[in-house]
Amino acid sequence: MPASPTTLTILALALLVAGLLALLAGVATGLLAHWDGASAPAALLRAGAAFGATLTVATALLALVAGALT
């Protein structure tokens, strides 16, 4: 059965929220690392790791919820 437009819209919005949450976590981690005295490359590495980890967990949770609802 094809997915309804409403379901696809909600999924797209949930993915957008997950991306924005990951971006916020990455920026906050980078700023805190830089304020703690880390160099700019080290702060960017920490920010990238936080972004990737947050996005991975958020999309995994979305996949779990989407699988449970269908």
Protein backbone atom coordinates (compact mmCIF):
# COMPACT_ATOMS: atom_id res chain seq x y z
CA MET A 1 0.00 0.00 0.00
CA PRO A 2 1.49 3.39 -0.95
CA ALA A 3 2.15 5.91 1.76
CA SER A 4 -0.27 8.80 2.05
CA PRO A 5 0.89 12.37 1.44
CA THR A 6 0.21 13.19 5.08
CA THR A 7 2.51 10.42 6.27
CA LEU A 8 5.26 11.52 3.89
CA THR A 9 4.90 15.13 5.04
CA ILE A 10 5.17 14.15 8.70
CA LEU A 11 8.22 12.00 7.93
CA ALA A 12 9.87 14.86 6.04
CA LEU A 13 9.22 17.25 8.92
CA ALA A 14 10.56 14.72 11.43
CA LEU A 15 13.73 14.34 9.38
CA LEU A 16 14.08 18.12 9.22
CA VAL A 17 13.72 18.36 13.00
CA ALA A 18 16.31 15.59 13.43
CA GLY A 19 18.73 17.46 11.18
CA LEU A 20 18.22 20.74 13.00
CA LEU A 21 18.67 19.03 16.36
CA ALA A 22 21.91 17.47 15.15
CA LEU A 23 23.09 20.84 13.83
CA LEU A 24 22.32 22.49 17.17
CA ALA A 25 24.20 19.76 19.04
CA GLY A 26 27.19 20.14 16.72
CA VAL A 27 27.33 23.91 17.06
CA ALA A 28 26.99 23.78 20.83
CA THR A 29 29.72 21.14 21.08
CA GLY A 30 32.05 23.11 18.84
CA LEU A 31 31.54 26.31 20.77
CA LEU A 32 32.02 24.65 24.14
CA ALA A 33 35.16 22.89 22.94
CA HIS A 34 36.59 26.13 21.57
CA TRP A 35 35.78 28.00 24.79
CA ASP A 36 37.50 25.22 26.71
CA GLY A 37 40.73 26.03 24.90
CA ALA A 38 40.70 23.53 22.03
CA SER A 39 42.13 24.67 18.71
CA ALA A 40 39.76 25.40 15.84
CA PRO A 41 40.44 22.08 14.04
CA ALA A 42 39.95 20.11 17.26
CA ALA A 43 36.70 21.95 18.00
CA LEU A 44 35.46 21.23 14.46
CA LEU A 45 36.28 17.55 14.85
CA ARG A 46 34.31 17.39 18.08
CA ALA A 47 31.42 19.28 16.50
CA GLY A 48 31.38 16.89 13.54
CA ALA A 49 31.40 13.87 15.81
CA ALA A 50 28.53 15.26 17.87
CA PHE A 51 26.56 16.09 14.71
CA GLY A 52 27.06 12.62 13.27
CA ALA A 53 26.20 10.83 16.49
CA THR A 54 23.07 12.89 17.09
CA LEU A 55 21.86 12.46 13.51
CA THR A 56 22.49 8.72 13.67
CA VAL A 57 20.54 8.27 16.88
CA ALA A 58 17.68 10.52 15.72
CA THR A 59 17.25 8.74 12.38
CA ALA A 60 17.44 5.35 14.08
CA LEU A 61 14.66 6.39 16.44
CA LEU A 62 12.61 7.70 13.52
CA ALA A 63 13.06 4.42 11.68
CA LEU A 64 11.98 2.52 14.79
CA VAL A 65 8.86 4.65 15.22
CA ALA A 66 8.01 4.50 11.50
CA GLY A 67 8.39 0.73 11.55
CA ALA A 68 6.19 0.41 14.60
CA LEU A 69 3.44 2.57 13.05
CA THR A 70 3.24 0.62 9.78
